[in-house]
Amino acid sequence: MDILNLTFPRTKFRRGYDGQEVDQLLGLISANLALPLAERTLRPDQVTSACFSATQFRDGYDEREVDRVLEQLAVELGLRSPSEL
C-alpha cells in the first residue's frame, strides 16, 4: 500500500477527520513500516486508537474509510518488513 499517496473521500457537511492530523499519522506509519519490526516505535494499538479532531462544515476525511485503512496498517505494523523476510 502506497501510504503517502493515499486519498480519502472528503466530507464537508457531515463529520469527518481533520486531514492534516490523519496525514501526519500516515507519515509516521510509513516511516515505521520502513524499519525492522524490533525497531518500530509505533504499536498497532496506537494506530487503531488514534483520535483526530472532528470536522463539520469544513473539509475533512471520511471517518469510516480512514478507520478501515488504519486497521489494515495496524496489522502491517505488527508484521515483519520485507527486508526481514
PDB file of N, CA and C in Angstrom:
ATOM      1  N   MET A   1       0.848  -1.175   0.000  1.00  0.00           N
ATOM      2  CA  MET A   1       0.000   0.000   0.000  1.00  0.00           C
ATOM      3  C   MET A   1       0.899   1.245   0.000  1.00  0.00           C
ATOM      4  N   ASP A   2       0.643   2.133  -0.913  1.00  0.00           N
ATOM      5  CA  ASP A   2       1.413   3.374  -1.016  1.00  0.00           C
ATOM      6  C   ASP A   2       0.809   4.393  -0.046  1.00  0.00           C
ATOM      7  N   ILE A   3       1.279   4.383   1.180  1.00  0.00           N
ATOM      8  CA  ILE A   3       0.679   5.162   2.262  1.00  0.00           C
ATOM      9  C   ILE A   3       0.708   6.659   1.995  1.00  0.00           C
ATOM     10  N   LEU A   4       1.808   7.154   1.501  1.00  0.00           N
ATOM     11  CA  LEU A   4       1.952   8.603   1.342  1.00  0.00           C
ATOM     12  C   LEU A   4       1.102   9.169   0.210  1.00  0.00           C
ATOM     13  N   ASN A   5       0.578   8.307  -0.644  1.00  0.00           N
ATOM     14  CA  ASN A   5      -0.262   8.776  -1.744  1.00  0.00           C
ATOM     15  C   ASN A   5      -1.714   8.340  -1.598  1.00  0.00           C
ATOM     16  N   LEU A   6      -2.107   7.954  -0.391  1.00  0.00           N
ATOM     17  CA  LEU A   6      -3.498   7.578  -0.154  1.00  0.00           C
ATOM     18  C   LEU A   6      -4.409   8.796  -0.303  1.00  0.00           C
ATOM     19  N   THR A   7      -5.582   8.556  -0.825  1.00  0.00           N
ATOM     20  CA  THR A   7      -6.603   9.600  -0.868  1.00  0.00           C
ATOM     21  C   THR A   7      -7.858   9.049  -0.210  1.00  0.00           C
ATOM     22  N   PHE A   8      -8.572   9.916   0.446  1.00  0.00           N
ATOM     23  CA  PHE A   8      -9.795   9.536   1.130  1.00  0.00           C
ATOM     24  C   PHE A   8     -10.948  10.368   0.604  1.00  0.00           C
ATOM     25  N   PRO A   9     -12.153   9.788   0.624  1.00  0.00           N
ATOM     26  CA  PRO A   9     -13.313  10.613   0.277  1.00  0.00           C
ATOM     27  C   PRO A   9     -13.403  11.800   1.231  1.00  0.00           C
ATOM     28  N   ARG A  10     -13.806  12.927   0.706  1.00  0.00           N
ATOM     29  CA  ARG A  10     -13.881  14.165   1.504  1.00  0.00           C
ATOM     30  C   ARG A  10     -15.286  14.347   2.078  1.00  0.00           C
ATOM     31  N   THR A  11     -15.332  14.993   3.216  1.00  0.00           N
ATOM     32  CA  THR A  11     -16.599  15.362   3.826  1.00  0.00           C
ATOM     33  C   THR A  11     -16.624  16.878   3.979  1.00  0.00           C
ATOM     34  N   LYS A  12     -17.801  17.430   4.046  1.00  0.00           N
ATOM     35  CA  LYS A  12     -17.898  18.861   4.309  1.00  0.00           C
ATOM     36  C   LYS A  12     -19.065  19.154   5.252  1.00  0.00           C
ATOM     37  N   PHE A  13     -20.218  18.608   4.949  1.00  0.00           N
ATOM     38  CA  PHE A  13     -21.392  18.914   5.753  1.00  0.00           C
ATOM     39  C   PHE A  13     -21.673  17.848   6.808  1.00  0.00           C
ATOM     40  N   ARG A  14     -20.932  16.777   6.785  1.00  0.00           N
ATOM     41  CA  ARG A  14     -21.052  15.769   7.846  1.00  0.00           C
ATOM     42  C   ARG A  14     -19.697  15.621   8.511  1.00  0.00           C
ATOM     43  N   ARG A  15     -19.707  14.964   9.655  1.00  0.00           N
ATOM     44  CA  ARG A  15     -18.467  14.806  10.419  1.00  0.00           C
ATOM     45  C   ARG A  15     -17.397  14.095   9.602  1.00  0.00           C
ATOM     46  N   GLY A  16     -16.186  14.522   9.809  1.00  0.00           N
ATOM     47  CA  GLY A  16     -15.032  13.875   9.207  1.00  0.00           C
ATOM     48  C   GLY A  16     -13.848  14.040  10.134  1.00  0.00           C
ATOM     49  N   TYR A  17     -12.705  13.525   9.705  1.00  0.00           N
ATOM     50  CA  TYR A  17     -11.466  13.681  10.472  1.00  0.00           C
ATOM     51  C   TYR A  17     -10.635  14.799   9.861  1.00  0.00           C
ATOM     52  N   ASP A  18      -9.915  15.514  10.698  1.00  0.00           N
ATOM     53  CA  ASP A  18      -9.007  16.552  10.235  1.00  0.00           C
ATOM     54  C   ASP A  18      -7.942  15.922   9.334  1.00  0.00           C
ATOM     55  N   GLY A  19      -7.868  16.372   8.098  1.00  0.00           N
ATOM     56  CA  GLY A  19      -6.970  15.772   7.113  1.00  0.00           C
ATOM     57  C   GLY A  19      -5.499  15.893   7.467  1.00  0.00           C
ATOM     58  N   GLN A  20      -5.088  17.028   8.021  1.00  0.00           N
ATOM     59  CA  GLN A  20      -3.677  17.203   8.375  1.00  0.00           C
ATOM     60  C   GLN A  20      -3.266  16.226   9.477  1.00  0.00           C
ATOM     61  N   GLU A  21      -4.136  16.010  10.440  1.00  0.00           N
ATOM     62  CA  GLU A  21      -3.821  15.084  11.528  1.00  0.00           C
ATOM     63  C   GLU A  21      -3.705  13.657  11.003  1.00  0.00           C
ATOM     64  N   VAL A  22      -4.609  13.277  10.119  1.00  0.00           N
ATOM     65  CA  VAL A  22      -4.556  11.936   9.525  1.00  0.00           C
ATOM     66  C   VAL A  22      -3.273  11.789   8.713  1.00  0.00           C
ATOM     67  N   ASP A  23      -2.957  12.796   7.908  1.00  0.00           N
ATOM     68  CA  ASP A  23      -1.747  12.739   7.079  1.00  0.00           C
ATOM     69  C   ASP A  23      -0.480  12.625   7.933  1.00  0.00           C
ATOM     70  N   GLN A  24      -0.438  13.303   9.073  1.00  0.00           N
ATOM     71  CA  GLN A  24       0.729  13.208   9.966  1.00  0.00           C
ATOM     72  C   GLN A  24       0.889  11.779  10.487  1.00  0.00           C
ATOM     73  N   LEU A  25      -0.218  11.171  10.888  1.00  0.00           N
ATOM     74  CA  LEU A  25      -0.143   9.795  11.376  1.00  0.00           C
ATOM     75  C   LEU A  25       0.283   8.850  10.257  1.00  0.00           C
ATOM     76  N   LEU A  26      -0.227   9.064   9.055  1.00  0.00           N
ATOM     77  CA  LEU A  26       0.175   8.211   7.931  1.00  0.00           C
ATOM     78  C   LEU A  26       1.670   8.323   7.650  1.00  0.00           C
ATOM     79  N   GLY A  27       2.226   9.515   7.786  1.00  0.00           N
ATOM     80  CA  GLY A  27       3.668   9.686   7.607  1.00  0.00           C
ATOM     81  C   GLY A  27       4.458   8.921   8.655  1.00  0.00           C
ATOM     82  N   LEU A  28       3.982   8.956   9.884  1.00  0.00           N
ATOM     83  CA  LEU A  28       4.637   8.218  10.966  1.00  0.00           C
ATOM     84  C   LEU A  28       4.536   6.714  10.738  1.00  0.00           C
ATOM     85  N   ILE A  29       3.383   6.250  10.291  1.00  0.00           N
ATOM     86  CA  ILE A  29       3.206   4.825   9.996  1.00  0.00           C
ATOM     87  C   ILE A  29       4.147   4.413   8.882  1.00  0.00           C
ATOM     88  N   SER A  30       4.221   5.214   7.829  1.00  0.00           N
ATOM     89  CA  SER A  30       5.096   4.895   6.696  1.00  0.00           C
ATOM     90  C   SER A  30       6.552   4.776   7.146  1.00  0.00           C
ATOM     91  N   ALA A  31       7.001   5.716   7.966  1.00  0.00           N
ATOM     92  CA  ALA A  31       8.381   5.677   8.461  1.00  0.00           C
ATOM     93  C   ALA A  31       8.622   4.440   9.310  1.00  0.00           C
ATOM     94  N   ASN A  32       7.650   4.059  10.122  1.00  0.00           N
ATOM     95  CA  ASN A  32       7.797   2.877  10.972  1.00  0.00           C
ATOM     96  C   ASN A  32       7.802   1.593  10.162  1.00  0.00           C
ATOM     97  N   LEU A  33       6.999   1.533   9.115  1.00  0.00           N
ATOM     98  CA  LEU A  33       6.957   0.323   8.298  1.00  0.00           C
ATOM     99  C   LEU A  33       8.267   0.094   7.552  1.00  0.00           C
ATOM    100  N   ALA A  34       9.047   1.131   7.354  1.00  0.00           N
ATOM    101  CA  ALA A  34      10.336   1.001   6.679  1.00  0.00           C
ATOM    102  C   ALA A  34      11.397   0.388   7.595  1.00  0.00           C
ATOM    103  N   LEU A  35      11.107   0.336   8.885  1.00  0.00           N
ATOM    104  CA  LEU A  35      12.057  -0.192   9.870  1.00  0.00           C
ATOM    105  C   LEU A  35      11.821  -1.669  10.132  1.00  0.00           C
ATOM    106  N   PRO A  36      12.849  -2.389  10.588  1.00  0.00           N
ATOM    107  CA  PRO A  36      12.635  -3.762  11.040  1.00  0.00           C
ATOM    108  C   PRO A  36      11.659  -3.763  12.222  1.00  0.00           C
ATOM    109  N   LEU A  37      10.958  -4.844  12.387  1.00  0.00           N
ATOM    110  CA  LEU A  37       9.922  -4.958  13.419  1.00  0.00           C
ATOM    111  C   LEU A  37      10.428  -4.552  14.798  1.00  0.00           C
ATOM    112  N   ALA A  38      11.615  -4.986  15.179  1.00  0.00           N
ATOM    113  CA  ALA A  38      12.150  -4.704  16.519  1.00  0.00           C
ATOM    114  C   ALA A  38      12.465  -3.224  16.733  1.00  0.00           C
ATOM    115  N   GLU A  39      12.614  -2.459  15.661  1.00  0.00           N
ATOM    116  CA  GLU A  39      12.979  -1.044  15.782  1.00  0.00           C
ATOM    117  C   GLU A  39      11.792  -0.093  15.654  1.00  0.00           C
ATOM    118  N   ARG A  40      10.614  -0.621  15.416  1.00  0.00           N
ATOM    119  CA  ARG A  40       9.437   0.229  15.248  1.00  0.00           C
ATOM    120  C   ARG A  40       9.018   0.828  16.580  1.00  0.00           C
ATOM    121  N   THR A  41       8.718   2.109  16.558  1.00  0.00           N
ATOM    122  CA  THR A  41       8.316   2.800  17.784  1.00  0.00           C
ATOM    123  C   THR A  41       6.802   2.952  17.894  1.00  0.00           C
ATOM    124  N   LEU A  42       6.103   2.667  16.829  1.00  0.00           N
ATOM    125  CA  LEU A  42       4.655   2.807  16.798  1.00  0.00           C
ATOM    126  C   LEU A  42       4.028   1.416  16.881  1.00  0.00           C
ATOM    127  N   ARG A  43       3.140   1.237  17.840  1.00  0.00           N
ATOM    128  CA  ARG A  43       2.482  -0.056  18.029  1.00  0.00           C
ATOM    129  C   ARG A  43       1.141  -0.085  17.289  1.00  0.00           C
ATOM    130  N   PRO A  44       0.702  -1.264  16.867  1.00  0.00           N
ATOM    131  CA  PRO A  44      -0.589  -1.368  16.181  1.00  0.00           C
ATOM    132  C   PRO A  44      -1.746  -0.776  16.974  1.00  0.00           C
ATOM    133  N   ASP A  45      -1.762  -0.962  18.292  1.00  0.00           N
ATOM    134  CA  ASP A  45      -2.865  -0.433  19.094  1.00  0.00           C
ATOM    135  C   ASP A  45      -2.872   1.097  19.121  1.00  0.00           C
ATOM    136  N   GLN A  46      -1.710   1.715  18.958  1.00  0.00           N
ATOM    137  CA  GLN A  46      -1.663   3.179  18.896  1.00  0.00           C
ATOM    138  C   GLN A  46      -2.317   3.690  17.610  1.00  0.00           C
ATOM    139  N   VAL A  47      -2.206   2.911  16.555  1.00  0.00           N
ATOM    140  CA  VAL A  47      -2.810   3.295  15.280  1.00  0.00           C
ATOM    141  C   VAL A  47      -4.327   3.162  15.360  1.00  0.00           C
ATOM    142  N   THR A  48      -4.795   2.041  15.870  1.00  0.00           N
ATOM    143  CA  THR A  48      -6.241   1.822  15.906  1.00  0.00           C
ATOM    144  C   THR A  48      -6.953   2.688  16.941  1.00  0.00           C
ATOM    145  N   SER A  49      -6.230   3.195  17.921  1.00  0.00           N
ATOM    146  CA  SER A  49      -6.869   4.037  18.934  1.00  0.00           C
ATOM    147  C   SER A  49      -6.603   5.533  18.714  1.00  0.00           C
ATOM    148  N   ALA A  50      -6.006   5.875  17.585  1.00  0.00           N
ATOM    149  CA  ALA A  50      -5.709   7.279  17.295  1.00  0.00           C
ATOM    150  C   ALA A  50      -6.991   8.104  17.255  1.00  0.00           C
ATOM    151  N   CYS A  51      -6.924   9.297  17.800  1.00  0.00           N
ATOM    152  CA  CYS A  51      -8.059  10.227  17.807  1.00  0.00           C
ATOM    153  C   CYS A  51      -7.699  11.450  16.972  1.00  0.00           C
ATOM    154  N   PHE A  52      -8.647  11.891  16.204  1.00  0.00           N
ATOM    155  CA  PHE A  52      -8.453  13.058  15.349  1.00  0.00           C
ATOM    156  C   PHE A  52      -9.518  14.097  15.665  1.00  0.00           C
ATOM    157  N   SER A  53      -9.194  15.337  15.420  1.00  0.00           N
ATOM    158  CA  SER A  53     -10.185  16.400  15.566  1.00  0.00           C
ATOM    159  C   SER A  53     -11.293  16.186  14.545  1.00  0.00           C
ATOM    160  N   ALA A  54     -12.511  16.440  14.974  1.00  0.00           N
ATOM    161  CA  ALA A  54     -13.658  16.282  14.085  1.00  0.00           C
ATOM    162  C   ALA A  54     -13.841  17.532  13.234  1.00  0.00           C
ATOM    163  N   THR A  55     -14.298  17.318  12.028  1.00  0.00           N
ATOM    164  CA  THR A  55     -14.621  18.428  11.145  1.00  0.00           C
ATOM    165  C   THR A  55     -16.103  18.355  10.812  1.00  0.00           C
ATOM    166  N   GLN A  56     -16.706  19.470  10.663  1.00  0.00           N
ATOM    167  CA  GLN A  56     -18.073  19.569  10.164  1.00  0.00           C
ATOM    168  C   GLN A  56     -18.215  20.971   9.607  1.00  0.00           C
ATOM    169  N   PHE A  57     -18.799  21.069   8.446  1.00  0.00           N
ATOM    170  CA  PHE A  57     -18.918  22.335   7.725  1.00  0.00           C
ATOM    171  C   PHE A  57     -17.556  22.844   7.247  1.00  0.00           C
ATOM    172  N   ARG A  58     -16.584  21.970   7.219  1.00  0.00           N
ATOM    173  CA  ARG A  58     -15.297  22.252   6.573  1.00  0.00           C
ATOM    174  C   ARG A  58     -14.737  20.925   6.085  1.00  0.00           C
ATOM    175  N   ASP A  59     -13.787  20.977   5.161  1.00  0.00           N
ATOM    176  CA  ASP A  59     -13.248  19.752   4.569  1.00  0.00           C
ATOM    177  C   ASP A  59     -12.644  18.832   5.616  1.00  0.00           C
ATOM    178  N   GLY A  60     -12.888  17.553   5.436  1.00  0.00           N
ATOM    179  CA  GLY A  60     -12.296  16.533   6.276  1.00  0.00           C
ATOM    180  C   GLY A  60     -12.249  15.226   5.504  1.00  0.00           C
ATOM    181  N   TYR A  61     -11.703  14.198   6.129  1.00  0.00           N
ATOM    182  CA  TYR A  61     -11.644  12.872   5.529  1.00  0.00           C
ATOM    183  C   TYR A  61     -12.780  12.024   6.087  1.00  0.00           C
ATOM    184  N   ASP A  62     -13.340  11.169   5.244  1.00  0.00           N
ATOM    185  CA  ASP A  62     -14.404  10.268   5.645  1.00  0.00           C
ATOM    186  C   ASP A  62     -13.920   9.358   6.782  1.00  0.00           C
ATOM    187  N   GLU A  63     -14.608   9.402   7.908  1.00  0.00           N
ATOM    188  CA  GLU A  63     -14.173   8.666   9.095  1.00  0.00           C
ATOM    189  C   GLU A  63     -14.113   7.154   8.871  1.00  0.00           C
ATOM    190  N   ARG A  64     -15.141   6.610   8.241  1.00  0.00           N
ATOM    191  CA  ARG A  64     -15.176   5.146   8.046  1.00  0.00           C
ATOM    192  C   ARG A  64     -14.024   4.662   7.181  1.00  0.00           C
ATOM    193  N   GLU A  65     -13.731   5.404   6.128  1.00  0.00           N
ATOM    194  CA  GLU A  65     -12.653   4.996   5.230  1.00  0.00           C
ATOM    195  C   GLU A  65     -11.294   5.105   5.916  1.00  0.00           C
ATOM    196  N   VAL A  66     -11.068   6.174   6.662  1.00  0.00           N
ATOM    197  CA  VAL A  66      -9.812   6.328   7.407  1.00  0.00           C
ATOM    198  C   VAL A  66      -9.667   5.189   8.412  1.00  0.00           C
ATOM    199  N   ASP A  67     -10.725   4.893   9.153  1.00  0.00           N
ATOM    200  CA  ASP A  67     -10.673   3.811  10.146  1.00  0.00           C
ATOM    201  C   ASP A  67     -10.351   2.469   9.495  1.00  0.00           C
ATOM    202  N   ARG A  68     -10.951   2.209   8.324  1.00  0.00           N
ATOM    203  CA  ARG A  68     -10.707   0.948   7.611  1.00  0.00           C
ATOM    204  C   ARG A  68      -9.231   0.824   7.215  1.00  0.00           C
ATOM    205  N   VAL A  69      -8.670   1.879   6.676  1.00  0.00           N
ATOM    206  CA  VAL A  69      -7.268   1.875   6.248  1.00  0.00           C
ATOM    207  C   VAL A  69      -6.343   1.739   7.455  1.00  0.00           C
ATOM    208  N   LEU A  70      -6.648   2.446   8.537  1.00  0.00           N
ATOM    209  CA  LEU A  70      -5.796   2.364   9.732  1.00  0.00           C
ATOM    210  C   LEU A  70      -5.811   0.971  10.339  1.00  0.00           C
ATOM    211  N   GLU A  71      -6.929   0.277  10.267  1.00  0.00           N
ATOM    212  CA  GLU A  71      -6.970  -1.110  10.751  1.00  0.00           C
ATOM    213  C   GLU A  71      -6.034  -1.995   9.938  1.00  0.00           C
ATOM    214  N   GLN A  72      -6.028  -1.813   8.626  1.00  0.00           N
ATOM    215  CA  GLN A  72      -5.125  -2.590   7.766  1.00  0.00           C
ATOM    216  C   GLN A  72      -3.667  -2.263   8.076  1.00  0.00           C
ATOM    217  N   LEU A  73      -3.371  -0.988   8.252  1.00  0.00           N
ATOM    218  CA  LEU A  73      -1.994  -0.584   8.523  1.00  0.00           C
ATOM    219  C   LEU A  73      -1.534  -1.050   9.902  1.00  0.00           C
ATOM    220  N   ALA A  74      -2.427  -1.129  10.854  1.00  0.00           N
ATOM    221  CA  ALA A  74      -2.081  -1.634  12.182  1.00  0.00           C
ATOM    222  C   ALA A  74      -1.630  -3.084  12.091  1.00  0.00           C
ATOM    223  N   VAL A  75      -2.295  -3.857  11.255  1.00  0.00           N
ATOM    224  CA  VAL A  75      -1.890  -5.250  11.051  1.00  0.00           C
ATOM    225  C   VAL A  75      -0.493  -5.296  10.440  1.00  0.00           C
ATOM    226  N   GLU A  76      -0.261  -4.458   9.440  1.00  0.00           N
ATOM    227  CA  GLU A  76       1.054  -4.428   8.788  1.00  0.00           C
ATOM    228  C   GLU A  76       2.156  -4.032   9.765  1.00  0.00           C
ATOM    229  N   LEU A  77       1.862  -3.137  10.694  1.00  0.00           N
ATOM    230  CA  LEU A  77       2.873  -2.726  11.670  1.00  0.00           C
ATOM    231  C   LEU A  77       3.344  -3.885  12.539  1.00  0.00           C
ATOM    232  N   GLY A  78       2.487  -4.844  12.763  1.00  0.00           N
ATOM    233  CA  GLY A  78       2.830  -5.996  13.575  1.00  0.00           C
ATOM    234  C   GLY A  78       3.549  -7.088  12.810  1.00  0.00           C
ATOM    235  N   LEU A  79       3.723  -6.902  11.508  1.00  0.00           N
ATOM    236  CA  LEU A  79       4.364  -7.915  10.656  1.00  0.00           C
ATOM    237  C   LEU A  79       5.800  -7.501  10.354  1.00  0.00           C
ATOM    238  N   ARG A  80       6.573  -8.450   9.982  1.00  0.00           N
ATOM    239  CA  ARG A  80       7.967  -8.184   9.604  1.00  0.00           C
ATOM    240  C   ARG A  80       8.007  -7.365   8.328  1.00  0.00           C
ATOM    241  N   SER A  81       9.031  -6.537   8.208  1.00  0.00           N
ATOM    242  CA  SER A  81       9.224  -5.768   6.992  1.00  0.00           C
ATOM    243  C   SER A  81       9.776  -6.686   5.887  1.00  0.00           C
ATOM    244  N   PRO A  82       9.601  -6.326   4.619  1.00  0.00           N
ATOM    245  CA  PRO A  82      10.105  -7.165   3.537  1.00  0.00           C
ATOM    246  C   PRO A  82      11.604  -7.447   3.652  1.00  0.00           C
ATOM    247  N   SER A  83      12.378  -6.528   4.188  1.00  0.00           N
ATOM    248  CA  SER A  83      13.826  -6.741   4.300  1.00  0.00           C
ATOM    249  C   SER A  83      14.165  -7.807   5.341  1.00  0.00           C
ATOM    250  N   GLU A  84      13.227  -8.108   6.240  1.00  0.00           N
ATOM    251  CA  GLU A  84      13.493  -9.119   7.276  1.00  0.00           C
ATOM    252  C   GLU A  84      13.104 -10.537   6.822  1.00  0.00           C
ATOM    253  N   LEU A  85      12.350 -10.639   5.746  1.00  0.00           N
ATOM    254  CA  LEU A  85      11.886 -11.958   5.287  1.00  0.00           C
ATOM    255  C   LEU A  85      12.945 -12.715   4.544  1.00  0.00           C
TER     256      LEU A  85
END
